[in-house]
Amino acid sequence: MSQDLLRPAQPVPPASLGSHYGRCGGRTAYARETSPGSWQVKIHDPTDRLAGHDGWLLVGAGWPTLSAARAATGLS
């Protein structure tokens, strides 16, 4: 049997995804690339009843670039 078949496969390094902290509507905001070419924006508002248990509220998702997400949400 060939020794090449017995070597473990090399893991593929994960893609480096982007993120950005800023402000949106007077609140702390966080934009992150959830997969290459797809951005989402969340704001931190623990007083909003729609916010998750951690106080973050999803404003929107699916923008192809950080610039598009910032323009659509007013993220600074």
N, C-alpha and C. Protein backbone atom coordinates (compact mmCIF):
# COMPACT_ATOMS: atom_id res chain seq x y z
N MET A 1 0.85 -1.17 0.00
CA MET A 1 0.00 0.00 0.00
C MET A 1 0.90 1.24 0.00
N SER A 2 0.49 2.24 -0.67
CA SER A 2 1.28 3.46 -0.78
C SER A 2 1.23 4.26 0.52
N GLN A 3 2.37 4.84 0.89
CA GLN A 3 2.44 5.66 2.10
C GLN A 3 1.63 6.94 1.95
N ASP A 4 1.43 7.42 0.72
CA ASP A 4 0.65 8.64 0.49
C ASP A 4 -0.80 8.48 0.95
N LEU A 5 -1.32 7.30 0.87
CA LEU A 5 -2.71 7.08 1.25
C LEU A 5 -2.90 7.08 2.76
N LEU A 6 -1.82 6.90 3.50
CA LEU A 6 -1.92 6.81 4.95
C LEU A 6 -1.71 8.14 5.65
N ARG A 7 -1.29 9.17 4.93
CA ARG A 7 -1.08 10.48 5.56
C ARG A 7 -2.41 11.17 5.81
N PRO A 8 -2.53 11.84 6.96
CA PRO A 8 -3.79 12.57 7.22
C PRO A 8 -3.93 13.76 6.26
N ALA A 9 -5.14 14.06 5.93
CA ALA A 9 -5.41 15.20 5.05
C ALA A 9 -5.05 16.50 5.77
N GLN A 10 -4.53 17.45 5.05
CA GLN A 10 -4.21 18.75 5.62
C GLN A 10 -5.49 19.56 5.79
N PRO A 11 -5.74 20.11 6.98
CA PRO A 11 -6.96 20.91 7.16
C PRO A 11 -6.89 22.19 6.33
N VAL A 12 -8.03 22.59 5.83
CA VAL A 12 -8.13 23.83 5.06
C VAL A 12 -8.33 24.96 6.06
N PRO A 13 -7.47 25.99 6.03
CA PRO A 13 -7.65 27.09 6.99
C PRO A 13 -8.96 27.83 6.72
N PRO A 14 -9.66 28.24 7.79
CA PRO A 14 -10.92 28.94 7.60
C PRO A 14 -10.68 30.32 6.98
N ALA A 15 -11.68 30.78 6.25
CA ALA A 15 -11.59 32.12 5.65
C ALA A 15 -11.58 33.16 6.77
N SER A 16 -10.83 34.20 6.58
CA SER A 16 -10.79 35.28 7.55
C SER A 16 -11.99 36.19 7.31
N LEU A 17 -12.89 36.23 8.26
CA LEU A 17 -14.10 37.03 8.13
C LEU A 17 -13.92 38.36 8.87
N GLY A 18 -14.57 39.39 8.36
CA GLY A 18 -14.41 40.73 8.93
C GLY A 18 -15.43 41.05 10.01
N SER A 19 -15.11 42.09 10.78
CA SER A 19 -16.04 42.60 11.79
C SER A 19 -15.73 44.07 12.03
N HIS A 20 -16.71 44.78 12.59
CA HIS A 20 -16.56 46.21 12.81
C HIS A 20 -17.48 46.64 13.96
N TYR A 21 -16.92 47.30 14.97
CA TYR A 21 -17.73 47.90 16.03
C TYR A 21 -17.94 49.37 15.71
N GLY A 22 -19.11 49.89 16.04
CA GLY A 22 -19.40 51.31 15.81
C GLY A 22 -20.64 51.72 16.58
N ARG A 23 -21.31 52.75 16.07
CA ARG A 23 -22.54 53.26 16.68
C ARG A 23 -23.64 53.26 15.63
N CYS A 24 -24.86 53.06 16.08
CA CYS A 24 -26.02 53.08 15.20
C CYS A 24 -27.21 53.54 16.03
N GLY A 25 -27.78 54.68 15.66
CA GLY A 25 -28.93 55.18 16.41
C GLY A 25 -28.62 55.46 17.86
N GLY A 26 -27.40 55.88 18.16
CA GLY A 26 -27.02 56.18 19.53
C GLY A 26 -26.68 54.96 20.37
N ARG A 27 -26.65 53.80 19.77
CA ARG A 27 -26.36 52.55 20.49
C ARG A 27 -25.06 51.94 19.96
N THR A 28 -24.46 51.11 20.78
CA THR A 28 -23.30 50.34 20.33
C THR A 28 -23.78 49.37 19.25
N ALA A 29 -23.01 49.25 18.19
CA ALA A 29 -23.39 48.37 17.08
C ALA A 29 -22.21 47.49 16.70
N TYR A 30 -22.54 46.36 16.12
CA TYR A 30 -21.54 45.39 15.70
C TYR A 30 -21.93 44.84 14.34
N ALA A 31 -21.04 44.98 13.38
CA ALA A 31 -21.24 44.38 12.06
C ALA A 31 -20.26 43.23 11.93
N ARG A 32 -20.73 42.12 11.39
CA ARG A 32 -19.82 41.00 11.19
C ARG A 32 -20.16 40.29 9.89
N GLU A 33 -19.13 39.74 9.31
CA GLU A 33 -19.27 38.95 8.09
C GLU A 33 -19.56 37.52 8.53
N THR A 34 -20.76 37.05 8.27
CA THR A 34 -21.15 35.72 8.74
C THR A 34 -20.64 34.62 7.82
N SER A 35 -20.46 34.95 6.57
CA SER A 35 -19.81 34.08 5.59
C SER A 35 -19.23 35.02 4.54
N PRO A 36 -18.29 34.57 3.74
CA PRO A 36 -17.70 35.50 2.76
C PRO A 36 -18.76 36.17 1.89
N GLY A 37 -18.81 37.50 1.96
CA GLY A 37 -19.76 38.26 1.15
C GLY A 37 -21.16 38.39 1.74
N SER A 38 -21.31 38.17 3.04
CA SER A 38 -22.62 38.33 3.70
C SER A 38 -22.42 38.96 5.08
N TRP A 39 -22.89 40.18 5.23
CA TRP A 39 -22.71 40.95 6.47
C TRP A 39 -24.02 41.10 7.21
N GLN A 40 -23.95 41.12 8.54
CA GLN A 40 -25.11 41.41 9.39
C GLN A 40 -24.73 42.50 10.38
N VAL A 41 -25.76 43.24 10.83
CA VAL A 41 -25.54 44.32 11.79
C VAL A 41 -26.48 44.08 12.98
N LYS A 42 -25.91 44.20 14.19
CA LYS A 42 -26.67 44.09 15.43
C LYS A 42 -26.41 45.34 16.26
N ILE A 43 -27.43 45.75 17.03
CA ILE A 43 -27.23 46.83 17.99
C ILE A 43 -27.45 46.27 19.39
N HIS A 44 -26.79 46.90 20.37
CA HIS A 44 -26.93 46.47 21.75
C HIS A 44 -27.96 47.35 22.44
N ASP A 45 -29.10 46.76 22.76
CA ASP A 45 -30.18 47.47 23.43
C ASP A 45 -30.90 46.50 24.37
N PRO A 46 -30.34 46.31 25.57
CA PRO A 46 -30.93 45.34 26.48
C PRO A 46 -32.34 45.69 26.95
N THR A 47 -32.77 46.94 26.74
CA THR A 47 -34.12 47.32 27.16
C THR A 47 -35.18 46.96 26.12
N ASP A 48 -34.77 46.64 24.90
CA ASP A 48 -35.72 46.27 23.84
C ASP A 48 -36.19 44.84 24.08
N ARG A 49 -37.49 44.65 24.14
CA ARG A 49 -38.02 43.32 24.43
C ARG A 49 -37.75 42.32 23.31
N LEU A 50 -37.42 42.80 22.11
CA LEU A 50 -37.10 41.90 21.00
C LEU A 50 -35.63 41.47 20.99
N ALA A 51 -34.82 42.09 21.84
CA ALA A 51 -33.40 41.74 21.90
C ALA A 51 -33.24 40.34 22.49
N GLY A 52 -32.17 39.69 22.12
CA GLY A 52 -31.88 38.37 22.66
C GLY A 52 -31.50 38.43 24.12
N HIS A 53 -31.26 37.29 24.71
CA HIS A 53 -30.91 37.22 26.13
C HIS A 53 -29.65 38.00 26.45
N ASP A 54 -28.81 38.24 25.44
CA ASP A 54 -27.57 38.97 25.66
C ASP A 54 -27.70 40.46 25.36
N GLY A 55 -28.90 40.91 24.98
CA GLY A 55 -29.15 42.33 24.73
C GLY A 55 -28.89 42.80 23.31
N TRP A 56 -28.50 41.91 22.41
CA TRP A 56 -28.23 42.29 21.02
C TRP A 56 -29.45 42.07 20.16
N LEU A 57 -29.72 43.03 19.30
CA LEU A 57 -30.88 43.01 18.42
C LEU A 57 -30.41 43.05 16.97
N LEU A 58 -30.81 42.08 16.17
CA LEU A 58 -30.41 42.03 14.77
C LEU A 58 -31.16 43.11 14.00
N VAL A 59 -30.40 44.00 13.34
CA VAL A 59 -30.98 45.08 12.53
C VAL A 59 -31.22 44.60 11.11
N GLY A 60 -30.29 43.82 10.58
CA GLY A 60 -30.43 43.30 9.23
C GLY A 60 -29.26 42.44 8.86
N ALA A 61 -29.41 41.71 7.74
CA ALA A 61 -28.37 40.80 7.30
C ALA A 61 -28.43 40.64 5.78
N GLY A 62 -27.34 40.12 5.23
CA GLY A 62 -27.31 39.79 3.82
C GLY A 62 -26.64 40.81 2.92
N TRP A 63 -26.05 41.84 3.50
CA TRP A 63 -25.35 42.84 2.67
C TRP A 63 -24.05 42.24 2.15
N PRO A 64 -23.69 42.53 0.90
CA PRO A 64 -22.48 41.93 0.32
C PRO A 64 -21.17 42.53 0.81
N THR A 65 -21.22 43.75 1.33
CA THR A 65 -19.99 44.41 1.82
C THR A 65 -20.29 45.17 3.10
N LEU A 66 -19.23 45.48 3.83
CA LEU A 66 -19.37 46.31 5.03
C LEU A 66 -19.91 47.68 4.64
N SER A 67 -19.44 48.23 3.54
CA SER A 67 -19.92 49.54 3.08
C SER A 67 -21.42 49.54 2.85
N ALA A 68 -21.94 48.49 2.24
CA ALA A 68 -23.38 48.39 1.98
C ALA A 68 -24.15 48.28 3.29
N ALA A 69 -23.63 47.52 4.24
CA ALA A 69 -24.28 47.38 5.55
C ALA A 69 -24.29 48.71 6.29
N ARG A 70 -23.18 49.43 6.22
CA ARG A 70 -23.09 50.74 6.89
C ARG A 70 -24.06 51.73 6.27
N ALA A 71 -24.15 51.74 4.95
CA ALA A 71 -25.04 52.67 4.26
C ALA A 71 -26.51 52.37 4.57
N ALA A 72 -26.86 51.11 4.66
CA ALA A 72 -28.25 50.72 4.88
C ALA A 72 -28.71 50.95 6.32
N THR A 73 -27.78 50.89 7.28
CA THR A 73 -28.17 50.97 8.69
C THR A 73 -27.75 52.26 9.38
N GLY A 74 -26.87 53.04 8.77
CA GLY A 74 -26.36 54.23 9.43
C GLY A 74 -25.25 53.93 10.41
N LEU A 75 -24.68 52.74 10.33
CA LEU A 75 -23.58 52.35 11.20
C LEU A 75 -22.38 53.24 10.96
N SER A 76 -21.80 53.77 12.07
CA SER A 76 -20.62 54.62 11.92
C SER A 76 -19.35 53.82 12.11
